[in-house]
Amino acid sequence: MKEKSNLWKIYFWLSCALIISGIIITFITDPQSFTLLDIIDILIGIVAFVGFYGFVYSKRIYIESIWKHVFFFSLTWEISYSIIYLNFFQETTIQNTKNLIALIITYAYAAPMFFALYIYGFSSSHLWDKH
């Protein structure tokens, strides 16, 4: 089985560091800003990241079909969460514009992870075949 590029591993660990530090910094500086939606988002992100880890390190985690569902669910959740956040938690147009720019950057950064989840669930039969 072909080993994944080191770029995938760098991206994986950099993403872990950014996400964990972002959660910690937000929790330390403004713990009241966490909502139930944020907690659900974190939990869904953890599940997606487990699949991302499986892709990056070519590890079979649970069963193939679950990762197909995780891909669609996490992508749908991410889009829905963003729409809800932008529409209900922002008070000014300027703040919305800043958040929209941040959202575009975030989606551009997260796109490879969603691509990896897709490949992991739909195109990694070599990994899921029983040996």
N, C-alpha and C. Protein backbone atom coordinates (compact mmCIF):
# COMPACT_ATOMS: atom_id res chain seq x y z
N MET A 1 0.85 -1.17 0.00
CA MET A 1 0.00 0.00 0.00
C MET A 1 0.90 1.24 0.00
N LYS A 2 0.55 2.18 -0.82
CA LYS A 2 1.35 3.40 -0.96
C LYS A 2 1.16 4.32 0.24
N GLU A 3 2.27 4.80 0.76
CA GLU A 3 2.27 5.71 1.90
C GLU A 3 1.80 7.10 1.46
N LYS A 4 1.04 7.77 2.31
CA LYS A 4 0.60 9.13 2.02
C LYS A 4 1.78 10.09 2.08
N SER A 5 1.67 11.14 1.35
CA SER A 5 2.70 12.19 1.33
C SER A 5 2.86 12.80 2.72
N ASN A 6 4.07 13.21 3.01
CA ASN A 6 4.32 13.91 4.27
C ASN A 6 3.53 15.21 4.36
N LEU A 7 3.14 15.78 3.22
CA LEU A 7 2.33 17.00 3.25
C LEU A 7 0.99 16.75 3.94
N TRP A 8 0.40 15.58 3.72
CA TRP A 8 -0.84 15.23 4.39
C TRP A 8 -0.63 15.19 5.90
N LYS A 9 0.48 14.62 6.31
CA LYS A 9 0.76 14.51 7.75
C LYS A 9 1.01 15.89 8.36
N ILE A 10 1.73 16.72 7.66
CA ILE A 10 1.96 18.08 8.13
C ILE A 10 0.64 18.84 8.24
N TYR A 11 -0.19 18.72 7.21
CA TYR A 11 -1.50 19.37 7.22
C TYR A 11 -2.36 18.85 8.38
N PHE A 12 -2.33 17.54 8.60
CA PHE A 12 -3.10 16.94 9.69
C PHE A 12 -2.68 17.52 11.04
N TRP A 13 -1.38 17.49 11.33
CA TRP A 13 -0.90 17.94 12.63
C TRP A 13 -1.01 19.45 12.80
N LEU A 14 -0.81 20.20 11.74
CA LEU A 14 -1.01 21.64 11.80
C LEU A 14 -2.48 21.95 12.09
N SER A 15 -3.38 21.24 11.44
CA SER A 15 -4.81 21.42 11.68
C SER A 15 -5.17 21.09 13.12
N CYS A 16 -4.63 19.99 13.63
CA CYS A 16 -4.86 19.63 15.04
C CYS A 16 -4.44 20.76 15.96
N ALA A 17 -3.23 21.26 15.73
CA ALA A 17 -2.70 22.33 16.58
C ALA A 17 -3.57 23.59 16.51
N LEU A 18 -3.96 23.97 15.29
CA LEU A 18 -4.78 25.17 15.13
C LEU A 18 -6.15 25.02 15.78
N ILE A 19 -6.77 23.89 15.59
CA ILE A 19 -8.11 23.67 16.15
C ILE A 19 -8.07 23.62 17.67
N ILE A 20 -7.15 22.84 18.21
CA ILE A 20 -7.06 22.72 19.66
C ILE A 20 -6.70 24.05 20.30
N SER A 21 -5.74 24.76 19.74
CA SER A 21 -5.36 26.06 20.32
C SER A 21 -6.51 27.05 20.20
N GLY A 22 -7.24 27.02 19.10
CA GLY A 22 -8.39 27.92 18.95
C GLY A 22 -9.46 27.67 19.99
N ILE A 23 -9.74 26.39 20.25
CA ILE A 23 -10.74 26.04 21.27
C ILE A 23 -10.26 26.48 22.65
N ILE A 24 -9.01 26.19 22.97
CA ILE A 24 -8.47 26.55 24.28
C ILE A 24 -8.45 28.06 24.48
N ILE A 25 -7.97 28.79 23.49
CA ILE A 25 -7.90 30.25 23.61
C ILE A 25 -9.29 30.85 23.78
N THR A 26 -10.24 30.38 22.99
CA THR A 26 -11.61 30.89 23.12
C THR A 26 -12.18 30.56 24.49
N PHE A 27 -11.95 29.34 24.95
CA PHE A 27 -12.49 28.93 26.25
C PHE A 27 -11.86 29.72 27.39
N ILE A 28 -10.58 30.00 27.29
CA ILE A 28 -9.89 30.75 28.34
C ILE A 28 -10.29 32.23 28.33
N THR A 29 -10.35 32.83 27.14
CA THR A 29 -10.61 34.27 27.06
C THR A 29 -12.09 34.62 27.19
N ASP A 30 -12.97 33.73 26.72
CA ASP A 30 -14.40 34.05 26.76
C ASP A 30 -15.23 32.77 26.84
N PRO A 31 -15.20 32.10 28.00
CA PRO A 31 -15.91 30.81 28.11
C PRO A 31 -17.42 30.92 27.92
N GLN A 32 -17.99 32.11 28.19
CA GLN A 32 -19.43 32.27 28.01
C GLN A 32 -19.83 32.31 26.53
N SER A 33 -18.86 32.47 25.65
CA SER A 33 -19.19 32.55 24.23
C SER A 33 -19.50 31.18 23.62
N PHE A 34 -19.15 30.11 24.33
CA PHE A 34 -19.47 28.77 23.83
C PHE A 34 -20.96 28.52 23.94
N THR A 35 -21.54 28.09 22.84
CA THR A 35 -22.96 27.74 22.83
C THR A 35 -23.10 26.23 22.64
N LEU A 36 -24.30 25.75 22.75
CA LEU A 36 -24.57 24.33 22.49
C LEU A 36 -24.15 23.97 21.07
N LEU A 37 -24.41 24.88 20.12
CA LEU A 37 -24.00 24.62 18.73
C LEU A 37 -22.49 24.47 18.61
N ASP A 38 -21.74 25.26 19.37
CA ASP A 38 -20.28 25.15 19.34
C ASP A 38 -19.83 23.79 19.87
N ILE A 39 -20.45 23.33 20.94
CA ILE A 39 -20.09 22.03 21.51
C ILE A 39 -20.42 20.91 20.53
N ILE A 40 -21.58 20.98 19.90
CA ILE A 40 -21.95 19.98 18.88
C ILE A 40 -20.95 20.04 17.72
N ASP A 41 -20.58 21.23 17.32
CA ASP A 41 -19.61 21.40 16.24
C ASP A 41 -18.26 20.75 16.59
N ILE A 42 -17.83 20.93 17.81
CA ILE A 42 -16.57 20.33 18.25
C ILE A 42 -16.67 18.81 18.22
N LEU A 43 -17.77 18.26 18.71
CA LEU A 43 -17.93 16.80 18.73
C LEU A 43 -17.97 16.22 17.31
N ILE A 44 -18.69 16.87 16.41
CA ILE A 44 -18.73 16.41 15.03
C ILE A 44 -17.35 16.53 14.40
N GLY A 45 -16.65 17.61 14.71
CA GLY A 45 -15.29 17.79 14.20
C GLY A 45 -14.34 16.71 14.67
N ILE A 46 -14.49 16.27 15.91
CA ILE A 46 -13.64 15.19 16.43
C ILE A 46 -13.86 13.91 15.64
N VAL A 47 -15.12 13.56 15.39
CA VAL A 47 -15.42 12.36 14.60
C VAL A 47 -14.82 12.47 13.20
N ALA A 48 -15.00 13.62 12.56
CA ALA A 48 -14.45 13.82 11.22
C ALA A 48 -12.92 13.72 11.25
N PHE A 49 -12.32 14.25 12.31
CA PHE A 49 -10.86 14.22 12.40
C PHE A 49 -10.34 12.80 12.60
N VAL A 50 -11.11 11.96 13.25
CA VAL A 50 -10.71 10.55 13.38
C VAL A 50 -10.64 9.91 11.99
N GLY A 51 -11.64 10.20 11.15
CA GLY A 51 -11.60 9.71 9.77
C GLY A 51 -10.45 10.29 8.98
N PHE A 52 -10.18 11.55 9.20
CA PHE A 52 -9.05 12.21 8.53
C PHE A 52 -7.75 11.53 8.93
N TYR A 53 -7.61 11.22 10.21
CA TYR A 53 -6.43 10.49 10.69
C TYR A 53 -6.32 9.13 9.97
N GLY A 54 -7.45 8.43 9.88
CA GLY A 54 -7.45 7.13 9.20
C GLY A 54 -6.98 7.26 7.76
N PHE A 55 -7.40 8.31 7.09
CA PHE A 55 -6.96 8.55 5.70
C PHE A 55 -5.47 8.83 5.65
N VAL A 56 -5.02 9.78 6.46
CA VAL A 56 -3.62 10.22 6.41
C VAL A 56 -2.66 9.09 6.73
N TYR A 57 -3.02 8.25 7.70
CA TYR A 57 -2.12 7.18 8.12
C TYR A 57 -2.53 5.80 7.59
N SER A 58 -3.47 5.77 6.64
CA SER A 58 -3.93 4.53 6.00
C SER A 58 -4.31 3.47 7.04
N LYS A 59 -5.14 3.89 7.97
CA LYS A 59 -5.62 3.00 9.03
C LYS A 59 -7.10 2.72 8.84
N ARG A 60 -7.47 1.47 8.98
CA ARG A 60 -8.89 1.13 8.97
C ARG A 60 -9.46 1.45 10.34
N ILE A 61 -10.44 2.33 10.36
CA ILE A 61 -11.10 2.69 11.62
C ILE A 61 -12.58 2.39 11.43
N TYR A 62 -13.06 1.49 12.25
CA TYR A 62 -14.43 1.02 12.22
C TYR A 62 -14.74 0.41 10.86
N ILE A 63 -15.83 0.86 10.19
CA ILE A 63 -16.19 0.28 8.89
C ILE A 63 -16.30 1.37 7.83
N GLU A 64 -16.09 0.96 6.61
CA GLU A 64 -16.05 1.90 5.48
C GLU A 64 -17.33 2.74 5.37
N SER A 65 -18.47 2.09 5.50
CA SER A 65 -19.74 2.81 5.26
C SER A 65 -19.96 3.95 6.24
N ILE A 66 -19.44 3.82 7.46
CA ILE A 66 -19.65 4.91 8.42
C ILE A 66 -18.97 6.19 7.94
N TRP A 67 -17.85 6.05 7.25
CA TRP A 67 -17.11 7.24 6.81
C TRP A 67 -17.78 7.92 5.63
N LYS A 68 -18.57 7.18 4.89
CA LYS A 68 -19.39 7.81 3.84
C LYS A 68 -20.43 8.72 4.50
N HIS A 69 -21.04 8.20 5.56
CA HIS A 69 -22.04 9.00 6.28
C HIS A 69 -21.39 10.17 7.02
N VAL A 70 -20.23 9.93 7.61
CA VAL A 70 -19.52 11.00 8.32
C VAL A 70 -19.17 12.12 7.34
N PHE A 71 -18.71 11.75 6.14
CA PHE A 71 -18.38 12.78 5.15
C PHE A 71 -19.58 13.68 4.87
N PHE A 72 -20.71 13.07 4.49
CA PHE A 72 -21.89 13.87 4.15
C PHE A 72 -22.43 14.63 5.35
N PHE A 73 -22.48 13.97 6.50
CA PHE A 73 -23.02 14.63 7.68
C PHE A 73 -22.14 15.80 8.12
N SER A 74 -20.82 15.60 8.17
CA SER A 74 -19.94 16.67 8.63
C SER A 74 -19.90 17.83 7.64
N LEU A 75 -19.95 17.54 6.35
CA LEU A 75 -19.99 18.62 5.36
C LEU A 75 -21.30 19.40 5.46
N THR A 76 -22.41 18.68 5.58
CA THR A 76 -23.71 19.34 5.74
C THR A 76 -23.74 20.15 7.03
N TRP A 77 -23.24 19.56 8.10
CA TRP A 77 -23.20 20.28 9.37
C TRP A 77 -22.38 21.55 9.27
N GLU A 78 -21.20 21.45 8.68
CA GLU A 78 -20.30 22.61 8.59
C GLU A 78 -20.96 23.76 7.83
N ILE A 79 -21.62 23.45 6.75
CA ILE A 79 -22.31 24.49 5.97
C ILE A 79 -23.48 25.06 6.78
N SER A 80 -24.27 24.18 7.39
CA SER A 80 -25.43 24.62 8.17
C SER A 80 -25.00 25.46 9.37
N TYR A 81 -23.99 25.00 10.07
CA TYR A 81 -23.48 25.72 11.24
C TYR A 81 -23.01 27.11 10.84
N SER A 82 -22.33 27.21 9.73
CA SER A 82 -21.85 28.50 9.26
C SER A 82 -23.00 29.44 8.93
N ILE A 83 -24.01 28.93 8.27
CA ILE A 83 -25.17 29.75 7.91
C ILE A 83 -25.89 30.22 9.17
N ILE A 84 -26.10 29.31 10.11
CA ILE A 84 -26.77 29.67 11.37
C ILE A 84 -25.94 30.72 12.10
N TYR A 85 -24.65 30.49 12.20
CA TYR A 85 -23.78 31.43 12.92
C TYR A 85 -23.79 32.80 12.28
N LEU A 86 -23.64 32.86 10.97
CA LEU A 86 -23.61 34.15 10.29
C LEU A 86 -24.94 34.88 10.37
N ASN A 87 -26.04 34.15 10.35
CA ASN A 87 -27.35 34.79 10.34
C ASN A 87 -27.86 35.20 11.71
N PHE A 88 -27.53 34.45 12.76
CA PHE A 88 -28.16 34.71 14.05
C PHE A 88 -27.26 35.31 15.11
N PHE A 89 -25.96 35.17 14.98
CA PHE A 89 -25.09 35.62 16.06
C PHE A 89 -24.29 36.87 15.72
N GLN A 90 -24.54 37.44 14.59
CA GLN A 90 -23.80 38.65 14.21
C GLN A 90 -24.74 39.84 14.20
N GLU A 91 -24.24 40.94 14.73
CA GLU A 91 -25.11 42.10 14.90
C GLU A 91 -24.94 43.17 13.84
N THR A 92 -23.78 43.27 13.24
CA THR A 92 -23.56 44.34 12.29
C THR A 92 -23.13 43.79 10.94
N THR A 93 -23.34 44.58 9.92
CA THR A 93 -22.94 44.19 8.58
C THR A 93 -21.41 44.08 8.48
N ILE A 94 -20.71 44.98 9.16
CA ILE A 94 -19.24 44.94 9.13
C ILE A 94 -18.76 43.64 9.76
N GLN A 95 -19.33 43.27 10.90
CA GLN A 95 -18.95 42.02 11.55
C GLN A 95 -19.29 40.84 10.65
N ASN A 96 -20.45 40.87 10.01
CA ASN A 96 -20.82 39.80 9.08
C ASN A 96 -19.83 39.71 7.93
N THR A 97 -19.39 40.83 7.41
CA THR A 97 -18.42 40.83 6.30
C THR A 97 -17.10 40.23 6.75
N LYS A 98 -16.63 40.61 7.92
CA LYS A 98 -15.39 40.05 8.45
C LYS A 98 -15.52 38.54 8.64
N ASN A 99 -16.65 38.12 9.18
CA ASN A 99 -16.86 36.69 9.41
C ASN A 99 -17.02 35.93 8.10
N LEU A 100 -17.60 36.56 7.11
CA LEU A 100 -17.74 35.91 5.81
C LEU A 100 -16.37 35.69 5.18
N ILE A 101 -15.50 36.67 5.29
CA ILE A 101 -14.13 36.53 4.78
C ILE A 101 -13.41 35.42 5.54
N ALA A 102 -13.57 35.41 6.86
CA ALA A 102 -12.95 34.35 7.67
C ALA A 102 -13.51 32.98 7.30
N LEU A 103 -14.80 32.94 7.01
CA LEU A 103 -15.44 31.68 6.62
C LEU A 103 -14.89 31.17 5.29
N ILE A 104 -14.71 32.04 4.35
CA ILE A 104 -14.16 31.65 3.05
C ILE A 104 -12.74 31.10 3.23
N ILE A 105 -11.95 31.76 4.05
CA ILE A 105 -10.59 31.28 4.32
C ILE A 105 -10.64 29.92 5.02
N THR A 106 -11.56 29.79 5.99
CA THR A 106 -11.70 28.53 6.71
C THR A 106 -12.09 27.40 5.77
N TYR A 107 -13.06 27.65 4.89
CA TYR A 107 -13.49 26.61 3.93
C TYR A 107 -12.35 26.23 3.00
N ALA A 108 -11.58 27.22 2.56
CA ALA A 108 -10.45 26.93 1.68
C ALA A 108 -9.42 26.06 2.42
N TYR A 109 -9.22 26.36 3.70
CA TYR A 109 -8.28 25.58 4.49
C TYR A 109 -8.82 24.17 4.76
N ALA A 110 -10.13 24.06 5.02
CA ALA A 110 -10.74 22.77 5.38
C ALA A 110 -11.02 21.88 4.18
N ALA A 111 -11.03 22.43 2.98
CA ALA A 111 -11.37 21.64 1.79
C ALA A 111 -10.53 20.36 1.65
N PRO A 112 -9.22 20.40 1.87
CA PRO A 112 -8.47 19.14 1.76
C PRO A 112 -8.91 18.08 2.76
N MET A 113 -9.33 18.49 3.96
CA MET A 113 -9.81 17.52 4.93
C MET A 113 -11.09 16.85 4.45
N PHE A 114 -12.00 17.63 3.89
CA PHE A 114 -13.24 17.04 3.37
C PHE A 114 -12.94 16.16 2.17
N PHE A 115 -12.00 16.56 1.35
CA PHE A 115 -11.56 15.73 0.23
C PHE A 115 -11.01 14.40 0.75
N ALA A 116 -10.20 14.46 1.79
CA ALA A 116 -9.62 13.25 2.38
C ALA A 116 -10.72 12.35 2.96
N LEU A 117 -11.71 12.93 3.63
CA LEU A 117 -12.82 12.14 4.16
C LEU A 117 -13.59 11.46 3.04
N TYR A 118 -13.78 12.18 1.95
CA TYR A 118 -14.46 11.59 0.79
C TYR A 118 -13.67 10.40 0.24
N ILE A 119 -12.39 10.60 0.04
CA ILE A 119 -11.53 9.53 -0.48
C ILE A 119 -11.52 8.36 0.49
N TYR A 120 -11.44 8.64 1.77
CA TYR A 120 -11.39 7.59 2.80
C TYR A 120 -12.66 6.74 2.77
N GLY A 121 -13.79 7.37 2.61
CA GLY A 121 -15.05 6.63 2.62
C GLY A 121 -15.44 6.02 1.29
N PHE A 122 -15.07 6.65 0.18
CA PHE A 122 -15.57 6.22 -1.12
C PHE A 122 -14.53 5.61 -2.05
N SER A 123 -13.27 5.93 -1.85
CA SER A 123 -12.28 5.48 -2.83
C SER A 123 -11.06 4.83 -2.20
N SER A 124 -11.23 4.22 -1.06
CA SER A 124 -10.09 3.57 -0.41
C SER A 124 -10.35 2.08 -0.24
N SER A 125 -10.88 1.46 -1.29
CA SER A 125 -11.21 0.03 -1.20
C SER A 125 -10.00 -0.82 -0.83
N HIS A 126 -8.81 -0.40 -1.27
CA HIS A 126 -7.59 -1.13 -0.91
C HIS A 126 -7.42 -1.21 0.60
N LEU A 127 -7.89 -0.21 1.29
CA LEU A 127 -7.76 -0.15 2.74
C LEU A 127 -8.81 -1.01 3.42
N TRP A 128 -10.00 -1.06 2.84
CA TRP A 128 -11.12 -1.74 3.47
C TRP A 128 -11.24 -3.20 3.08
N ASP A 129 -10.57 -3.62 2.01
CA ASP A 129 -10.62 -5.02 1.61
C ASP A 129 -10.09 -5.89 2.74
N LYS A 130 -10.78 -6.96 2.99
CA LYS A 130 -10.34 -7.91 4.01
C LYS A 130 -9.17 -8.71 3.47
N HIS A 131 -8.08 -8.75 4.20
CA HIS A 131 -6.90 -9.48 3.75
C HIS A 131 -6.86 -10.84 4.41
